[in-house]
Amino acid sequence: MEKLEGLLRYIIGQIVKEGVEVAIEDSLQGDTLTFHVRVSDGELGKIIGKNGLTANAIRGVMQAAGVKDKLNVNVEFLD
């Protein structure tokens, strides 16, 4: 779980500006791991991307990374 959070933090860190605080909380229910991601107001648009393409790509990478641990990984981006 820590490796998955580290991967998510790295991906988001590469998208947002330097010095932007990224808050990630996780919750595990059965075999479903959900990450709740919060960033500064102006940075949320960069993470979501045009038509949500960047957000969907992040979700896809995280789901693929969770397969090794037999986890279904969801990522939610919060205001």
N, C-alpha and C. Protein backbone atom coordinates (compact mmCIF):
# COMPACT_ATOMS: atom_id res chain seq x y z
N MET A 1 0.83 -1.20 0.00
CA MET A 1 0.00 0.00 0.00
C MET A 1 0.87 1.26 0.00
N GLU A 2 1.98 1.21 0.71
CA GLU A 2 2.87 2.37 0.75
C GLU A 2 3.50 2.62 -0.61
N LYS A 3 3.81 1.53 -1.34
CA LYS A 3 4.40 1.69 -2.65
C LYS A 3 3.40 2.32 -3.62
N LEU A 4 2.13 1.93 -3.50
CA LEU A 4 1.11 2.51 -4.36
C LEU A 4 0.94 4.00 -4.08
N GLU A 5 0.95 4.36 -2.80
CA GLU A 5 0.82 5.78 -2.44
C GLU A 5 2.04 6.56 -2.94
N GLY A 6 3.21 5.97 -2.82
CA GLY A 6 4.42 6.61 -3.31
C GLY A 6 4.37 6.84 -4.82
N LEU A 7 3.87 5.85 -5.55
CA LEU A 7 3.72 5.98 -6.99
C LEU A 7 2.75 7.11 -7.34
N LEU A 8 1.61 7.15 -6.66
CA LEU A 8 0.62 8.20 -6.90
C LEU A 8 1.19 9.57 -6.58
N ARG A 9 1.89 9.67 -5.45
CA ARG A 9 2.51 10.95 -5.06
C ARG A 9 3.54 11.40 -6.10
N TYR A 10 4.31 10.46 -6.65
CA TYR A 10 5.30 10.79 -7.67
C TYR A 10 4.62 11.30 -8.94
N ILE A 11 3.59 10.60 -9.40
CA ILE A 11 2.90 11.00 -10.63
C ILE A 11 2.31 12.40 -10.49
N ILE A 12 1.62 12.64 -9.39
CA ILE A 12 0.99 13.95 -9.18
C ILE A 12 2.05 15.03 -9.01
N GLY A 13 3.13 14.69 -8.32
CA GLY A 13 4.22 15.65 -8.12
C GLY A 13 4.85 16.11 -9.42
N GLN A 14 4.84 15.25 -10.44
CA GLN A 14 5.40 15.62 -11.73
C GLN A 14 4.47 16.54 -12.52
N ILE A 15 3.18 16.53 -12.17
CA ILE A 15 2.20 17.33 -12.91
C ILE A 15 2.06 18.73 -12.32
N VAL A 16 1.99 18.83 -11.00
CA VAL A 16 1.75 20.12 -10.35
C VAL A 16 3.06 20.89 -10.20
N LYS A 17 2.92 22.18 -9.88
CA LYS A 17 4.10 23.04 -9.68
C LYS A 17 4.86 22.61 -8.44
N GLU A 18 6.13 22.97 -8.42
CA GLU A 18 6.95 22.70 -7.25
C GLU A 18 6.42 23.45 -6.05
N GLY A 19 6.46 22.83 -4.90
CA GLY A 19 6.03 23.48 -3.68
C GLY A 19 4.55 23.36 -3.39
N VAL A 20 3.78 22.78 -4.32
CA VAL A 20 2.35 22.60 -4.09
C VAL A 20 2.17 21.41 -3.16
N GLU A 21 1.37 21.63 -2.14
CA GLU A 21 1.14 20.56 -1.17
C GLU A 21 0.13 19.57 -1.72
N VAL A 22 0.47 18.30 -1.63
CA VAL A 22 -0.40 17.22 -2.09
C VAL A 22 -0.78 16.39 -0.88
N ALA A 23 -2.09 16.28 -0.62
CA ALA A 23 -2.58 15.48 0.49
C ALA A 23 -3.26 14.23 -0.06
N ILE A 24 -2.79 13.07 0.39
CA ILE A 24 -3.36 11.81 -0.06
C ILE A 24 -3.80 11.00 1.15
N GLU A 25 -5.06 10.64 1.16
CA GLU A 25 -5.60 9.77 2.21
C GLU A 25 -6.05 8.48 1.54
N ASP A 26 -5.94 7.38 2.26
CA ASP A 26 -6.38 6.11 1.67
C ASP A 26 -7.34 5.39 2.60
N SER A 27 -8.18 4.57 2.00
CA SER A 27 -9.09 3.73 2.77
C SER A 27 -9.18 2.38 2.08
N LEU A 28 -9.14 1.33 2.88
CA LEU A 28 -9.18 -0.03 2.36
C LEU A 28 -10.45 -0.71 2.83
N GLN A 29 -11.24 -1.18 1.88
CA GLN A 29 -12.46 -1.91 2.19
C GLN A 29 -12.43 -3.21 1.39
N GLY A 30 -12.19 -4.30 2.07
CA GLY A 30 -12.06 -5.58 1.38
C GLY A 30 -10.83 -5.57 0.50
N ASP A 31 -11.03 -5.77 -0.78
CA ASP A 31 -9.90 -5.73 -1.72
C ASP A 31 -9.89 -4.46 -2.55
N THR A 32 -10.63 -3.44 -2.11
CA THR A 32 -10.69 -2.16 -2.82
C THR A 32 -9.96 -1.09 -2.02
N LEU A 33 -8.95 -0.52 -2.62
CA LEU A 33 -8.18 0.55 -2.02
C LEU A 33 -8.54 1.85 -2.72
N THR A 34 -8.98 2.85 -1.97
CA THR A 34 -9.37 4.14 -2.55
C THR A 34 -8.44 5.22 -2.03
N PHE A 35 -7.87 5.98 -2.95
CA PHE A 35 -7.04 7.13 -2.60
C PHE A 35 -7.87 8.40 -2.82
N HIS A 36 -7.86 9.29 -1.83
CA HIS A 36 -8.51 10.60 -1.93
C HIS A 36 -7.40 11.64 -2.03
N VAL A 37 -7.36 12.35 -3.14
CA VAL A 37 -6.26 13.27 -3.43
C VAL A 37 -6.77 14.71 -3.36
N ARG A 38 -6.05 15.56 -2.63
CA ARG A 38 -6.35 16.99 -2.56
C ARG A 38 -5.09 17.77 -2.92
N VAL A 39 -5.28 18.80 -3.75
CA VAL A 39 -4.20 19.72 -4.10
C VAL A 39 -4.75 21.14 -4.02
N SER A 40 -3.89 22.11 -4.22
CA SER A 40 -4.33 23.51 -4.23
C SER A 40 -5.37 23.73 -5.31
N ASP A 41 -6.19 24.77 -5.12
CA ASP A 41 -7.29 25.04 -6.04
C ASP A 41 -6.85 25.16 -7.49
N GLY A 42 -5.82 25.90 -7.76
CA GLY A 42 -5.40 26.14 -9.13
C GLY A 42 -4.76 24.93 -9.80
N GLU A 43 -4.39 23.94 -9.02
CA GLU A 43 -3.68 22.78 -9.56
C GLU A 43 -4.61 21.63 -9.92
N LEU A 44 -5.83 21.64 -9.42
CA LEU A 44 -6.75 20.53 -9.67
C LEU A 44 -7.04 20.35 -11.16
N GLY A 45 -7.14 21.45 -11.88
CA GLY A 45 -7.39 21.38 -13.32
C GLY A 45 -6.28 20.68 -14.07
N LYS A 46 -5.04 20.86 -13.64
CA LYS A 46 -3.91 20.20 -14.29
C LYS A 46 -3.98 18.69 -14.09
N ILE A 47 -4.40 18.28 -12.91
CA ILE A 47 -4.47 16.85 -12.62
C ILE A 47 -5.62 16.20 -13.38
N ILE A 48 -6.75 16.88 -13.47
CA ILE A 48 -7.90 16.31 -14.18
C ILE A 48 -7.64 16.31 -15.68
N GLY A 49 -7.08 17.37 -16.20
CA GLY A 49 -6.74 17.43 -17.62
C GLY A 49 -7.95 17.70 -18.49
N LYS A 50 -7.69 17.84 -19.77
CA LYS A 50 -8.74 18.15 -20.73
C LYS A 50 -9.66 16.94 -20.87
N ASN A 51 -10.94 17.16 -20.64
CA ASN A 51 -11.97 16.10 -20.69
C ASN A 51 -11.66 14.95 -19.74
N GLY A 52 -10.86 15.19 -18.71
CA GLY A 52 -10.57 14.16 -17.72
C GLY A 52 -9.56 13.12 -18.18
N LEU A 53 -8.85 13.40 -19.26
CA LEU A 53 -7.92 12.41 -19.81
C LEU A 53 -6.75 12.11 -18.86
N THR A 54 -6.20 13.14 -18.24
CA THR A 54 -5.07 12.93 -17.33
C THR A 54 -5.51 12.15 -16.11
N ALA A 55 -6.66 12.51 -15.55
CA ALA A 55 -7.18 11.80 -14.38
C ALA A 55 -7.44 10.33 -14.71
N ASN A 56 -8.01 10.05 -15.87
CA ASN A 56 -8.27 8.67 -16.27
C ASN A 56 -6.97 7.90 -16.49
N ALA A 57 -5.96 8.56 -17.01
CA ALA A 57 -4.66 7.91 -17.19
C ALA A 57 -4.03 7.56 -15.85
N ILE A 58 -4.14 8.49 -14.89
CA ILE A 58 -3.61 8.23 -13.54
C ILE A 58 -4.35 7.04 -12.93
N ARG A 59 -5.67 7.02 -13.07
CA ARG A 59 -6.46 5.90 -12.53
C ARG A 59 -6.04 4.57 -13.17
N GLY A 60 -5.81 4.59 -14.47
CA GLY A 60 -5.41 3.37 -15.17
C GLY A 60 -4.07 2.84 -14.70
N VAL A 61 -3.11 3.73 -14.51
CA VAL A 61 -1.79 3.33 -14.02
C VAL A 61 -1.91 2.75 -12.62
N MET A 62 -2.70 3.38 -11.78
CA MET A 62 -2.85 2.91 -10.40
C MET A 62 -3.57 1.56 -10.35
N GLN A 63 -4.55 1.37 -11.20
CA GLN A 63 -5.24 0.07 -11.24
C GLN A 63 -4.27 -1.03 -11.68
N ALA A 64 -3.46 -0.73 -12.68
CA ALA A 64 -2.48 -1.70 -13.16
C ALA A 64 -1.45 -2.03 -12.07
N ALA A 65 -1.04 -1.02 -11.31
CA ALA A 65 -0.07 -1.23 -10.24
C ALA A 65 -0.66 -2.06 -9.11
N GLY A 66 -1.96 -1.96 -8.90
CA GLY A 66 -2.62 -2.70 -7.82
C GLY A 66 -2.83 -4.16 -8.13
N VAL A 67 -2.71 -4.55 -9.39
CA VAL A 67 -2.93 -5.95 -9.79
C VAL A 67 -1.95 -6.88 -9.08
N LYS A 68 -0.72 -6.43 -8.91
CA LYS A 68 0.31 -7.25 -8.27
C LYS A 68 -0.11 -7.64 -6.85
N ASP A 69 -0.73 -6.71 -6.14
CA ASP A 69 -1.16 -6.96 -4.76
C ASP A 69 -2.61 -7.45 -4.69
N LYS A 70 -3.19 -7.76 -5.84
CA LYS A 70 -4.58 -8.22 -5.95
C LYS A 70 -5.55 -7.23 -5.32
N LEU A 71 -5.31 -5.94 -5.62
CA LEU A 71 -6.16 -4.87 -5.12
C LEU A 71 -6.83 -4.15 -6.28
N ASN A 72 -8.07 -3.74 -6.06
CA ASN A 72 -8.76 -2.87 -6.99
C ASN A 72 -8.51 -1.45 -6.48
N VAL A 73 -7.80 -0.63 -7.25
CA VAL A 73 -7.39 0.69 -6.79
C VAL A 73 -8.25 1.76 -7.48
N ASN A 74 -8.85 2.62 -6.67
CA ASN A 74 -9.61 3.77 -7.16
C ASN A 74 -8.92 5.05 -6.71
N VAL A 75 -9.00 6.07 -7.54
CA VAL A 75 -8.42 7.36 -7.19
C VAL A 75 -9.51 8.42 -7.36
N GLU A 76 -9.76 9.18 -6.28
CA GLU A 76 -10.73 10.26 -6.32
C GLU A 76 -10.01 11.59 -6.10
N PHE A 77 -10.31 12.55 -6.94
CA PHE A 77 -9.71 13.88 -6.84
C PHE A 77 -10.74 14.80 -6.21
N LEU A 78 -10.39 15.39 -5.06
CA LEU A 78 -11.34 16.21 -4.29
C LEU A 78 -10.96 17.67 -4.33
N ASP A 79 -11.98 18.52 -4.24
CA ASP A 79 -11.77 19.97 -4.17
C ASP A 79 -11.23 20.37 -2.83
